[in-house]
């Protein structure tokens, strides 16, 4: 995400509070070699990549997407066959919402946190909270998507809980979102029961960013994000194409 900020603001100084062990593992699953292989096999298919990818990967893509707009991005393209990566579960989510043929790349790509969730987890949660609505992220498995009440991006999950009349939710995404939702509920004087689908659904890379590291970053201006100008230009084209979609 730091790279994306730099790509969109190349003349600004972009700082990261920490660089050691903070990069998303999924972002590195879609390499230039894999892209080349699929481009050769499907030369007419545009490549849509998740924003959770490296700057180099974005530079090789036709357009980027988020979990909130992935289906809209795909449906905006004229081609009937789309290369989509690196999250295979998000590709499944999109495939259910388009008539186009989605080719997920690479094989087995996805978020290790969301891959932890199983149908057994869901069954246990529903047995304990039978009246709770199941709200999950589209990075969850196809089986979970097919059995959820709601599938939404991080911002979508927050919005649904805040605006819904339901009082209980089983949340299938990184557990830190529950703290965020509870803060938002407190602001509007509401209280709801939020049940994590798994207590250990933790993104260790995100958790390495702390308030102390943010303070140090601002005081010392360490860990500036630097990218090759050619990479910035090509990656920005892919991001800006996404931003143009209404």
Foldseek 3Di string as FASTA:
>chain_A
DQVVVCLVVVPDWGADLDDPLQQFPLQPQDDPVQVVVVCVVVVPAFEEEEPSHDLQVLLVGQAYDYLACVLVVVVVDPDQEHEYDDQPLSQVVNVVVDNGHYDHPDPPRAHPLQAPFDVVLVVVVCVVVVQAFEEEESSHHPVVVVVGPYYHHLVVVLVCVQPDPDQHYAYRAAPVSVVVSQVVCVVVVHHGHYHYSDPPSHDVSVVVDDPVSVVVCVVVVPHIDDDDPSSSVSSSSRHVVVVPRD
